[in-house]
All heavy atoms as atom14 arrays in JSON, in Angstrom:
{
  "sequence": "APYGTLEDVEELTGALHARGMKMVMDLVVNHSSDQHAWFRESRSSKG",
  "atom14_mask": [
    [1, 1, 1, 1, 1, 0, 0, 0, 0, 0, 0, 0, 0, 0],
    [1, 1, 1, 1, 1, 1, 1, 0, 0, 0, 0, 0, 0, 0],
    [1, 1, 1, 1, 1, 1, 1, 1, 1, 1, 1, 1, 0, 0],
    [1, 1, 1, 1, 0, 0, 0, 0, 0, 0, 0, 0, 0, 0],
    [1, 1, 1, 1, 1, 1, 1, 0, 0, 0, 0, 0, 0, 0],
    [1, 1, 1, 1, 1, 1, 1, 1, 0, 0, 0, 0, 0, 0],
    [1, 1, 1, 1, 1, 1, 1, 1, 1, 0, 0, 0, 0, 0],
    [1, 1, 1, 1, 1, 1, 1, 1, 0, 0, 0, 0, 0, 0],
    [1, 1, 1, 1, 1, 1, 1, 0, 0, 0, 0, 0, 0, 0],
    [1, 1, 1, 1, 1, 1, 1, 1, 1, 0, 0, 0, 0, 0],
    [1, 1, 1, 1, 1, 1, 1, 1, 1, 0, 0, 0, 0, 0],
    [1, 1, 1, 1, 1, 1, 1, 1, 0, 0, 0, 0, 0, 0],
    [1, 1, 1, 1, 1, 1, 1, 0, 0, 0, 0, 0, 0, 0],
    [1, 1, 1, 1, 0, 0, 0, 0, 0, 0, 0, 0, 0, 0],
    [1, 1, 1, 1, 1, 0, 0, 0, 0, 0, 0, 0, 0, 0],
    [1, 1, 1, 1, 1, 1, 1, 1, 0, 0, 0, 0, 0, 0],
    [1, 1, 1, 1, 1, 1, 1, 1, 1, 1, 0, 0, 0, 0],
    [1, 1, 1, 1, 1, 0, 0, 0, 0, 0, 0, 0, 0, 0],
    [1, 1, 1, 1, 1, 1, 1, 1, 1, 1, 1, 0, 0, 0],
    [1, 1, 1, 1, 0, 0, 0, 0, 0, 0, 0, 0, 0, 0],
    [1, 1, 1, 1, 1, 1, 1, 1, 0, 0, 0, 0, 0, 0],
    [1, 1, 1, 1, 1, 1, 1, 1, 1, 0, 0, 0, 0, 0],
    [1, 1, 1, 1, 1, 1, 1, 1, 0, 0, 0, 0, 0, 0],
    [1, 1, 1, 1, 1, 1, 1, 0, 0, 0, 0, 0, 0, 0],
    [1, 1, 1, 1, 1, 1, 1, 1, 0, 0, 0, 0, 0, 0],
    [1, 1, 1, 1, 1, 1, 1, 1, 0, 0, 0, 0, 0, 0],
    [1, 1, 1, 1, 1, 1, 1, 1, 0, 0, 0, 0, 0, 0],
    [1, 1, 1, 1, 1, 1, 1, 0, 0, 0, 0, 0, 0, 0],
    [1, 1, 1, 1, 1, 1, 1, 0, 0, 0, 0, 0, 0, 0],
    [1, 1, 1, 1, 1, 1, 1, 1, 0, 0, 0, 0, 0, 0],
    [1, 1, 1, 1, 1, 1, 1, 1, 1, 1, 0, 0, 0, 0],
    [1, 1, 1, 1, 1, 1, 0, 0, 0, 0, 0, 0, 0, 0],
    [1, 1, 1, 1, 1, 1, 0, 0, 0, 0, 0, 0, 0, 0],
    [1, 1, 1, 1, 1, 1, 1, 1, 0, 0, 0, 0, 0, 0],
    [1, 1, 1, 1, 1, 1, 1, 1, 1, 0, 0, 0, 0, 0],
    [1, 1, 1, 1, 1, 1, 1, 1, 1, 1, 0, 0, 0, 0],
    [1, 1, 1, 1, 1, 0, 0, 0, 0, 0, 0, 0, 0, 0],
    [1, 1, 1, 1, 1, 1, 1, 1, 1, 1, 1, 1, 1, 1],
    [1, 1, 1, 1, 1, 1, 1, 1, 1, 1, 1, 0, 0, 0],
    [1, 1, 1, 1, 1, 1, 1, 1, 1, 1, 1, 0, 0, 0],
    [1, 1, 1, 1, 1, 1, 1, 1, 1, 0, 0, 0, 0, 0],
    [1, 1, 1, 1, 1, 1, 0, 0, 0, 0, 0, 0, 0, 0],
    [1, 1, 1, 1, 1, 1, 1, 1, 1, 1, 1, 0, 0, 0],
    [1, 1, 1, 1, 1, 1, 0, 0, 0, 0, 0, 0, 0, 0],
    [1, 1, 1, 1, 1, 1, 0, 0, 0, 0, 0, 0, 0, 0],
    [1, 1, 1, 1, 1, 1, 1, 1, 1, 0, 0, 0, 0, 0],
    [1, 1, 1, 1, 0, 0, 0, 0, 0, 0, 0, 0, 0, 0]
  ],
  "atom14_positions": [
    [[1.96, 12.79, 15.35], [0.59, 13.27, 15.08], [0.42, 13.93, 13.71], [-0.58, 13.68, 13.03], [0.16, 14.2, 16.2], [0.0, 0.0, 0.0], [0.0, 0.0, 0.0], [0.0, 0.0, 0.0], [0.0, 0.0, 0.0], [0.0, 0.0, 0.0], [0.0, 0.0, 0.0], [0.0, 0.0, 0.0], [0.0, 0.0, 0.0], [0.0, 0.0, 0.0]],
    [[1.36, 14.79, 13.25], [1.16, 15.38, 11.92], [1.15, 14.35, 10.79], [0.65, 14.65, 9.7], [2.36, 16.32, 11.8], [2.74, 16.66, 13.21], [2.49, 15.4, 13.97], [0.0, 0.0, 0.0], [0.0, 0.0, 0.0], [0.0, 0.0, 0.0], [0.0, 0.0, 0.0], [0.0, 0.0, 0.0], [0.0, 0.0, 0.0], [0.0, 0.0, 0.0]],
    [[1.7, 13.16, 11.02], [1.69, 12.11, 10.0], [0.38, 11.32, 10.0], [0.02, 10.7, 9.0], [2.85, 11.14, 10.19], [4.21, 11.68, 9.83], [5.36, 11.09, 10.35], [4.37, 12.78, 9.0], [6.63, 11.57, 10.02], [5.62, 13.28, 8.67], [6.75, 12.66, 9.19], [8.0, 13.13, 8.87], [0.0, 0.0, 0.0], [0.0, 0.0, 0.0]],
    [[-0.31, 11.27, 11.15], [-1.54, 10.5, 11.21], [-1.67, 9.73, 12.5], [-1.15, 10.14, 13.54], [0.0, 0.0, 0.0], [0.0, 0.0, 0.0], [0.0, 0.0, 0.0], [0.0, 0.0, 0.0], [0.0, 0.0, 0.0], [0.0, 0.0, 0.0], [0.0, 0.0, 0.0], [0.0, 0.0, 0.0], [0.0, 0.0, 0.0], [0.0, 0.0, 0.0]],
    [[-2.34, 8.6, 12.4], [-2.66, 7.81, 13.59], [-2.22, 6.37, 13.4], [-1.88, 5.93, 12.29], [-4.17, 7.83, 13.85], [-4.83, 7.16, 12.75], [-4.69, 9.25, 13.96], [0.0, 0.0, 0.0], [0.0, 0.0, 0.0], [0.0, 0.0, 0.0], [0.0, 0.0, 0.0], [0.0, 0.0, 0.0], [0.0, 0.0, 0.0], [0.0, 0.0, 0.0]],
    [[-2.28, 5.62, 14.48], [-2.0, 4.19, 14.41], [-3.0, 3.51, 13.49], [-2.64, 2.57, 12.74], [-2.06, 3.59, 15.82], [-1.56, 2.17, 16.0], [-0.11, 2.02, 15.57], [-1.72, 1.74, 17.47], [0.0, 0.0, 0.0], [0.0, 0.0, 0.0], [0.0, 0.0, 0.0], [0.0, 0.0, 0.0], [0.0, 0.0, 0.0], [0.0, 0.0, 0.0]],
    [[-4.23, 3.97, 13.5], [-5.25, 3.39, 12.61], [-4.91, 3.64, 11.15], [-5.17, 2.78, 10.28], [-6.63, 3.98, 12.94], [-7.22, 3.53, 14.27], [-6.52, 4.12, 15.48], [-5.92, 5.23, 15.35], [-6.55, 3.48, 16.56], [0.0, 0.0, 0.0], [0.0, 0.0, 0.0], [0.0, 0.0, 0.0], [0.0, 0.0, 0.0], [0.0, 0.0, 0.0]],
    [[-4.32, 4.79, 10.84], [-3.88, 5.06, 9.47], [-2.82, 4.06, 9.03], [-2.83, 3.59, 7.88], [-3.32, 6.48, 9.36], [-4.38, 7.56, 9.5], [-5.56, 7.28, 9.2], [-4.03, 8.68, 9.95], [0.0, 0.0, 0.0], [0.0, 0.0, 0.0], [0.0, 0.0, 0.0], [0.0, 0.0, 0.0], [0.0, 0.0, 0.0], [0.0, 0.0, 0.0]],
    [[-1.89, 3.75, 9.93], [-0.84, 2.79, 9.61], [-1.43, 1.41, 9.37], [-1.04, 0.7, 8.44], [0.22, 2.75, 10.72], [1.3, 1.72, 10.37], [0.85, 4.12, 10.93], [0.0, 0.0, 0.0], [0.0, 0.0, 0.0], [0.0, 0.0, 0.0], [0.0, 0.0, 0.0], [0.0, 0.0, 0.0], [0.0, 0.0, 0.0], [0.0, 0.0, 0.0]],
    [[-2.39, 1.03, 10.2], [-3.03, -0.27, 10.02], [-3.78, -0.31, 8.69], [-3.77, -1.34, 7.98], [-3.98, -0.53, 11.19], [-3.25, -0.75, 12.51], [-4.17, -0.79, 13.71], [-5.3, -0.25, 13.61], [-3.77, -1.34, 14.75], [0.0, 0.0, 0.0], [0.0, 0.0, 0.0], [0.0, 0.0, 0.0], [0.0, 0.0, 0.0], [0.0, 0.0, 0.0]],
    [[-4.43, 0.79, 8.31], [-5.11, 0.84, 7.02], [-4.1, 0.74, 5.87], [-4.34, 0.04, 4.88], [-5.91, 2.14, 6.89], [-6.66, 2.24, 5.58], [-7.47, 3.52, 5.46], [-7.77, 4.15, 6.51], [-7.82, 3.91, 4.32], [0.0, 0.0, 0.0], [0.0, 0.0, 0.0], [0.0, 0.0, 0.0], [0.0, 0.0, 0.0], [0.0, 0.0, 0.0]],
    [[-2.99, 1.43, 6.0], [-1.95, 1.37, 4.97], [-1.42, -0.05, 4.82], [-1.29, -0.55, 3.69], [-0.81, 2.32, 5.33], [0.46, 2.24, 4.48], [0.15, 2.53, 3.01], [1.53, 3.19, 5.0], [0.0, 0.0, 0.0], [0.0, 0.0, 0.0], [0.0, 0.0, 0.0], [0.0, 0.0, 0.0], [0.0, 0.0, 0.0], [0.0, 0.0, 0.0]],
    [[-1.13, -0.69, 5.92], [-0.61, -2.07, 5.87], [-1.61, -2.99, 5.19], [-1.25, -3.81, 4.33], [-0.3, -2.57, 7.29], [0.65, -1.68, 7.9], [0.28, -3.97, 7.27], [0.0, 0.0, 0.0], [0.0, 0.0, 0.0], [0.0, 0.0, 0.0], [0.0, 0.0, 0.0], [0.0, 0.0, 0.0], [0.0, 0.0, 0.0], [0.0, 0.0, 0.0]],
    [[-2.89, -2.87, 5.56], [-3.92, -3.7, 4.94], [-4.07, -3.42, 3.46], [-4.25, -4.35, 2.65], [0.0, 0.0, 0.0], [0.0, 0.0, 0.0], [0.0, 0.0, 0.0], [0.0, 0.0, 0.0], [0.0, 0.0, 0.0], [0.0, 0.0, 0.0], [0.0, 0.0, 0.0], [0.0, 0.0, 0.0], [0.0, 0.0, 0.0], [0.0, 0.0, 0.0]],
    [[-3.99, -2.15, 3.06], [-4.13, -1.79, 1.65], [-2.96, -2.31, 0.83], [-3.13, -2.73, -0.32], [-4.25, -0.27, 1.51], [0.0, 0.0, 0.0], [0.0, 0.0, 0.0], [0.0, 0.0, 0.0], [0.0, 0.0, 0.0], [0.0, 0.0, 0.0], [0.0, 0.0, 0.0], [0.0, 0.0, 0.0], [0.0, 0.0, 0.0], [0.0, 0.0, 0.0]],
    [[-1.76, -2.3, 1.4], [-0.61, -2.88, 0.72], [-0.79, -4.38, 0.55], [-0.59, -4.93, -0.55], [0.67, -2.59, 1.5], [1.22, -1.17, 1.42], [2.28, -0.94, 2.49], [1.81, -0.9, 0.03], [0.0, 0.0, 0.0], [0.0, 0.0, 0.0], [0.0, 0.0, 0.0], [0.0, 0.0, 0.0], [0.0, 0.0, 0.0], [0.0, 0.0, 0.0]],
    [[-1.17, -5.06, 1.6], [-1.35, -6.51, 1.54], [-2.44, -6.87, 0.53], [-2.33, -7.88, -0.18], [-1.69, -7.06, 2.92], [-0.53, -7.01, 3.86], [-0.67, -7.2, 5.23], [0.8, -6.79, 3.66], [0.52, -7.1, 5.81], [1.42, -6.85, 4.88], [0.0, 0.0, 0.0], [0.0, 0.0, 0.0], [0.0, 0.0, 0.0], [0.0, 0.0, 0.0]],
    [[-3.49, -6.07, 0.44], [-4.57, -6.34, -0.52], [-4.08, -6.27, -1.96], [-4.65, -6.89, -2.86], [-5.72, -5.36, -0.3], [0.0, 0.0, 0.0], [0.0, 0.0, 0.0], [0.0, 0.0, 0.0], [0.0, 0.0, 0.0], [0.0, 0.0, 0.0], [0.0, 0.0, 0.0], [0.0, 0.0, 0.0], [0.0, 0.0, 0.0], [0.0, 0.0, 0.0]],
    [[-3.02, -5.51, -2.18], [-2.43, -5.39, -3.51], [-1.27, -6.37, -3.71], [-0.54, -6.26, -4.7], [-1.94, -3.95, -3.74], [-3.06, -2.93, -3.88], [-2.52, -1.51, -3.83], [-3.53, -0.51, -4.17], [-4.45, -0.05, -3.31], [-4.48, -0.51, -2.07], [-5.33, 0.85, -3.71], [0.0, 0.0, 0.0], [0.0, 0.0, 0.0], [0.0, 0.0, 0.0]],
    [[-1.05, -7.24, -2.75], [0.05, -8.19, -2.86], [1.4, -7.58, -2.57], [2.43, -8.11, -2.98], [0.0, 0.0, 0.0], [0.0, 0.0, 0.0], [0.0, 0.0, 0.0], [0.0, 0.0, 0.0], [0.0, 0.0, 0.0], [0.0, 0.0, 0.0], [0.0, 0.0, 0.0], [0.0, 0.0, 0.0], [0.0, 0.0, 0.0], [0.0, 0.0, 0.0]],
    [[1.41, -6.48, -1.82], [2.64, -5.77, -1.51], [2.94, -5.9, -0.01], [2.08, -6.26, 0.79], [2.52, -4.3, -1.93], [2.25, -4.11, -3.42], [1.69, -2.44, -3.85], [3.22, -1.52, -3.66], [0.0, 0.0, 0.0], [0.0, 0.0, 0.0], [0.0, 0.0, 0.0], [0.0, 0.0, 0.0], [0.0, 0.0, 0.0], [0.0, 0.0, 0.0]],
    [[4.17, -5.58, 0.37], [4.63, -5.72, 1.74], [4.84, -4.35, 2.38], [5.02, -3.35, 1.7], [5.94, -6.5, 1.78], [5.89, -7.88, 1.12], [5.13, -8.89, 1.94], [5.28, -10.29, 1.35], [4.54, -11.3, 2.12], [0.0, 0.0, 0.0], [0.0, 0.0, 0.0], [0.0, 0.0, 0.0], [0.0, 0.0, 0.0], [0.0, 0.0, 0.0]],
    [[4.88, -4.37, 3.71], [5.08, -3.16, 4.5], [6.37, -3.28, 5.31], [6.54, -4.24, 6.07], [3.88, -2.96, 5.45], [4.05, -1.86, 6.46], [3.94, -0.22, 5.74], [3.66, 0.77, 7.22], [0.0, 0.0, 0.0], [0.0, 0.0, 0.0], [0.0, 0.0, 0.0], [0.0, 0.0, 0.0], [0.0, 0.0, 0.0], [0.0, 0.0, 0.0]],
    [[7.26, -2.32, 5.14], [8.54, -2.3, 5.85], [8.64, -1.0, 6.64], [8.36, 0.08, 6.1], [9.72, -2.41, 4.87], [11.06, -2.39, 5.61], [9.61, -3.68, 4.02], [0.0, 0.0, 0.0], [0.0, 0.0, 0.0], [0.0, 0.0, 0.0], [0.0, 0.0, 0.0], [0.0, 0.0, 0.0], [0.0, 0.0, 0.0], [0.0, 0.0, 0.0]],
    [[9.02, -1.11, 7.9], [9.16, 0.08, 8.74], [10.61, 0.29, 9.14], [11.4, -0.66, 9.18], [8.29, -0.03, 9.99], [6.8, 0.04, 9.7], [5.77, 0.07, 11.19], [6.14, 1.7, 11.83], [0.0, 0.0, 0.0], [0.0, 0.0, 0.0], [0.0, 0.0, 0.0], [0.0, 0.0, 0.0], [0.0, 0.0, 0.0], [0.0, 0.0, 0.0]],
    [[10.93, 1.53, 9.43], [12.25, 1.87, 9.96], [12.27, 1.54, 11.45], [11.31, 1.82, 12.17], [12.53, 3.36, 9.77], [13.88, 3.61, 9.13], [14.88, 3.1, 9.66], [13.94, 4.31, 8.1], [0.0, 0.0, 0.0], [0.0, 0.0, 0.0], [0.0, 0.0, 0.0], [0.0, 0.0, 0.0], [0.0, 0.0, 0.0], [0.0, 0.0, 0.0]],
    [[13.37, 0.93, 11.9], [13.56, 0.64, 13.31], [14.83, 1.35, 13.77], [15.91, 1.04, 13.28], [13.67, -0.87, 13.54], [13.72, -1.34, 15.0], [12.36, -1.15, 15.66], [14.15, -2.8, 15.1], [0.0, 0.0, 0.0], [0.0, 0.0, 0.0], [0.0, 0.0, 0.0], [0.0, 0.0, 0.0], [0.0, 0.0, 0.0], [0.0, 0.0, 0.0]],
    [[14.68, 2.3, 14.67], [15.8, 3.14, 15.11], [16.04, 2.85, 16.58], [15.38, 3.41, 17.46], [15.5, 4.63, 14.89], [16.74, 5.47, 15.18], [14.98, 4.88, 13.49], [0.0, 0.0, 0.0], [0.0, 0.0, 0.0], [0.0, 0.0, 0.0], [0.0, 0.0, 0.0], [0.0, 0.0, 0.0], [0.0, 0.0, 0.0], [0.0, 0.0, 0.0]],
    [[16.98, 1.95, 16.87], [17.16, 1.51, 18.25], [18.62, 1.61, 18.72], [18.94, 1.11, 19.8], [16.64, 0.07, 18.44], [15.12, 0.05, 18.37], [17.24, -0.89, 17.42], [0.0, 0.0, 0.0], [0.0, 0.0, 0.0], [0.0, 0.0, 0.0], [0.0, 0.0, 0.0], [0.0, 0.0, 0.0], [0.0, 0.0, 0.0], [0.0, 0.0, 0.0]],
    [[19.48, 2.24, 17.95], [20.79, 2.6, 18.51], [20.62, 3.74, 19.51], [21.34, 3.84, 20.49], [21.76, 3.03, 17.41], [23.06, 3.57, 17.98], [23.86, 2.82, 18.53], [23.26, 4.89, 17.89], [0.0, 0.0, 0.0], [0.0, 0.0, 0.0], [0.0, 0.0, 0.0], [0.0, 0.0, 0.0], [0.0, 0.0, 0.0], [0.0, 0.0, 0.0]],
    [[19.64, 4.6, 19.22], [19.4, 5.78, 20.06], [17.91, 6.08, 20.06], [17.15, 5.57, 19.23], [20.18, 6.99, 19.53], [20.0, 7.19, 18.05], [20.89, 6.69, 17.12], [19.03, 7.81, 17.33], [20.49, 7.0, 15.9], [19.36, 7.68, 16.01], [0.0, 0.0, 0.0], [0.0, 0.0, 0.0], [0.0, 0.0, 0.0], [0.0, 0.0, 0.0]],
    [[17.5, 6.9, 20.99], [16.12, 7.4, 21.03], [16.18, 8.92, 21.04], [17.25, 9.52, 20.92], [15.4, 6.88, 22.28], [15.84, 7.58, 23.44], [0.0, 0.0, 0.0], [0.0, 0.0, 0.0], [0.0, 0.0, 0.0], [0.0, 0.0, 0.0], [0.0, 0.0, 0.0], [0.0, 0.0, 0.0], [0.0, 0.0, 0.0], [0.0, 0.0, 0.0]],
    [[15.04, 9.53, 21.2], [14.99, 10.97, 21.45], [15.29, 11.25, 22.93], [15.01, 10.42, 23.8], [13.61, 11.52, 21.11], [13.44, 12.84, 21.64], [0.0, 0.0, 0.0], [0.0, 0.0, 0.0], [0.0, 0.0, 0.0], [0.0, 0.0, 0.0], [0.0, 0.0, 0.0], [0.0, 0.0, 0.0], [0.0, 0.0, 0.0], [0.0, 0.0, 0.0]],
    [[15.83, 12.43, 23.21], [16.0, 12.8, 24.62], [14.66, 13.13, 25.27], [14.58, 13.34, 26.49], [16.98, 13.97, 24.75], [16.47, 15.26, 24.13], [15.5, 15.22, 23.33], [17.05, 16.32, 24.41], [0.0, 0.0, 0.0], [0.0, 0.0, 0.0], [0.0, 0.0, 0.0], [0.0, 0.0, 0.0], [0.0, 0.0, 0.0], [0.0, 0.0, 0.0]],
    [[13.59, 13.16, 24.46], [12.25, 13.39, 25.0], [11.52, 12.08, 25.31], [10.38, 12.1, 25.78], [11.41, 14.22, 24.02], [11.98, 15.6, 23.76], [12.19, 16.39, 25.04], [11.25, 16.58, 25.81], [13.41, 16.85, 25.26], [0.0, 0.0, 0.0], [0.0, 0.0, 0.0], [0.0, 0.0, 0.0], [0.0, 0.0, 0.0], [0.0, 0.0, 0.0]],
    [[12.15, 10.95, 25.02], [11.54, 9.67, 25.35], [11.44, 9.54, 26.88], [12.33, 9.99, 27.61], [12.37, 8.53, 24.78], [11.63, 7.23, 24.69], [11.2, 6.52, 25.79], [11.22, 6.51, 23.61], [10.55, 5.44, 25.41], [10.55, 5.39, 24.08], [0.0, 0.0, 0.0], [0.0, 0.0, 0.0], [0.0, 0.0, 0.0], [0.0, 0.0, 0.0]],
    [[10.37, 8.92, 27.33], [10.18, 8.74, 28.77], [11.34, 7.99, 29.41], [11.71, 8.27, 30.56], [8.87, 7.99, 29.03], [0.0, 0.0, 0.0], [0.0, 0.0, 0.0], [0.0, 0.0, 0.0], [0.0, 0.0, 0.0], [0.0, 0.0, 0.0], [0.0, 0.0, 0.0], [0.0, 0.0, 0.0], [0.0, 0.0, 0.0], [0.0, 0.0, 0.0]],
    [[11.94, 7.05, 28.67], [13.09, 6.33, 29.22], [14.23, 7.28, 29.58], [14.83, 7.17, 30.64], [13.63, 5.31, 28.22], [12.65, 4.3, 27.72], [11.48, 3.92, 28.3], [12.77, 3.55, 26.52], [10.86, 2.96, 27.55], [11.63, 2.7, 26.45], [13.73, 3.47, 25.51], [11.43, 1.82, 25.39], [13.54, 2.59, 24.46], [12.39, 1.77, 24.4]],
    [[14.52, 8.2, 28.65], [15.66, 9.09, 28.89], [15.33, 10.12, 29.97], [16.21, 10.51, 30.75], [16.1, 9.79, 27.61], [17.39, 10.55, 27.77], [18.59, 9.88, 27.9], [17.39, 11.94, 27.83], [19.79, 10.58, 28.09], [18.58, 12.64, 28.01], [19.77, 11.96, 28.13], [0.0, 0.0, 0.0], [0.0, 0.0, 0.0], [0.0, 0.0, 0.0]],
    [[14.1, 10.56, 30.0], [13.73, 11.51, 31.05], [13.95, 10.9, 32.43], [14.42, 11.58, 33.35], [12.27, 11.93, 30.87], [12.03, 12.84, 29.67], [10.56, 13.2, 29.55], [10.34, 14.17, 28.48], [9.14, 14.59, 28.09], [8.06, 14.14, 28.71], [9.03, 15.47, 27.11], [0.0, 0.0, 0.0], [0.0, 0.0, 0.0], [0.0, 0.0, 0.0]],
    [[13.63, 9.63, 32.55], [13.89, 8.95, 33.82], [15.38, 8.78, 34.04], [15.9, 9.03, 35.13], [13.2, 7.59, 33.82], [11.69, 7.64, 33.93], [11.1, 6.27, 34.17], [11.56, 5.58, 35.1], [10.17, 5.88, 33.42], [0.0, 0.0, 0.0], [0.0, 0.0, 0.0], [0.0, 0.0, 0.0], [0.0, 0.0, 0.0], [0.0, 0.0, 0.0]],
    [[16.07, 8.35, 33.0], [17.5, 8.04, 33.14], [18.3, 9.28, 33.53], [19.24, 9.19, 34.33], [18.02, 7.45, 31.82], [19.33, 6.99, 31.95], [0.0, 0.0, 0.0], [0.0, 0.0, 0.0], [0.0, 0.0, 0.0], [0.0, 0.0, 0.0], [0.0, 0.0, 0.0], [0.0, 0.0, 0.0], [0.0, 0.0, 0.0], [0.0, 0.0, 0.0]],
    [[17.96, 10.42, 32.97], [18.74, 11.63, 33.24], [18.4, 12.24, 34.59], [19.14, 13.09, 35.08], [18.51, 12.65, 32.12], [17.21, 13.42, 32.22], [16.84, 14.23, 31.01], [17.92, 14.98, 30.43], [17.82, 15.67, 29.29], [16.66, 15.7, 28.63], [18.85, 16.33, 28.82], [0.0, 0.0, 0.0], [0.0, 0.0, 0.0], [0.0, 0.0, 0.0]],
    [[17.28, 11.82, 35.19], [16.81, 12.49, 36.41], [17.74, 12.25, 37.59], [17.97, 13.15, 38.4], [15.39, 12.03, 36.75], [15.38, 10.64, 37.07], [0.0, 0.0, 0.0], [0.0, 0.0, 0.0], [0.0, 0.0, 0.0], [0.0, 0.0, 0.0], [0.0, 0.0, 0.0], [0.0, 0.0, 0.0], [0.0, 0.0, 0.0], [0.0, 0.0, 0.0]],
    [[18.28, 11.03, 37.71], [19.18, 10.75, 38.83], [19.85, 9.4, 38.63], [19.35, 8.54, 37.89], [18.42, 10.74, 40.17], [17.65, 9.55, 40.29], [0.0, 0.0, 0.0], [0.0, 0.0, 0.0], [0.0, 0.0, 0.0], [0.0, 0.0, 0.0], [0.0, 0.0, 0.0], [0.0, 0.0, 0.0], [0.0, 0.0, 0.0], [0.0, 0.0, 0.0]],
    [[20.96, 9.21, 39.31], [21.67, 7.93, 39.24], [20.91, 6.82, 39.97], [21.21, 5.64, 39.78], [23.06, 8.07, 39.85], [23.96, 9.04, 39.1], [25.31, 9.19, 39.79], [26.16, 10.23, 39.1], [27.48, 10.41, 39.77], [0.0, 0.0, 0.0], [0.0, 0.0, 0.0], [0.0, 0.0, 0.0], [0.0, 0.0, 0.0], [0.0, 0.0, 0.0]],
    [[19.93, 7.19, 40.77], [19.18, 6.18, 41.51], [17.92, 5.73, 40.8], [17.21, 4.85, 41.31], [0.0, 0.0, 0.0], [0.0, 0.0, 0.0], [0.0, 0.0, 0.0], [0.0, 0.0, 0.0], [0.0, 0.0, 0.0], [0.0, 0.0, 0.0], [0.0, 0.0, 0.0], [0.0, 0.0, 0.0], [0.0, 0.0, 0.0], [0.0, 0.0, 0.0]]
  ]
}
C-alpha cells in the first residue's frame, strides 16, 4: 500500500510501453512471507 496500487502499476507499464521501453518485475518464489495466507494455513496444523 505505501508504494501505490495495482492501477499505478498498470499506468507505469503503459507509460513505459508508450516510450518504447519494457517493464520487468521481481519474482520471489523460493520463499514467501510468514504472513502470507498460504503459510498461515500451513503452520496451523498438519491436517
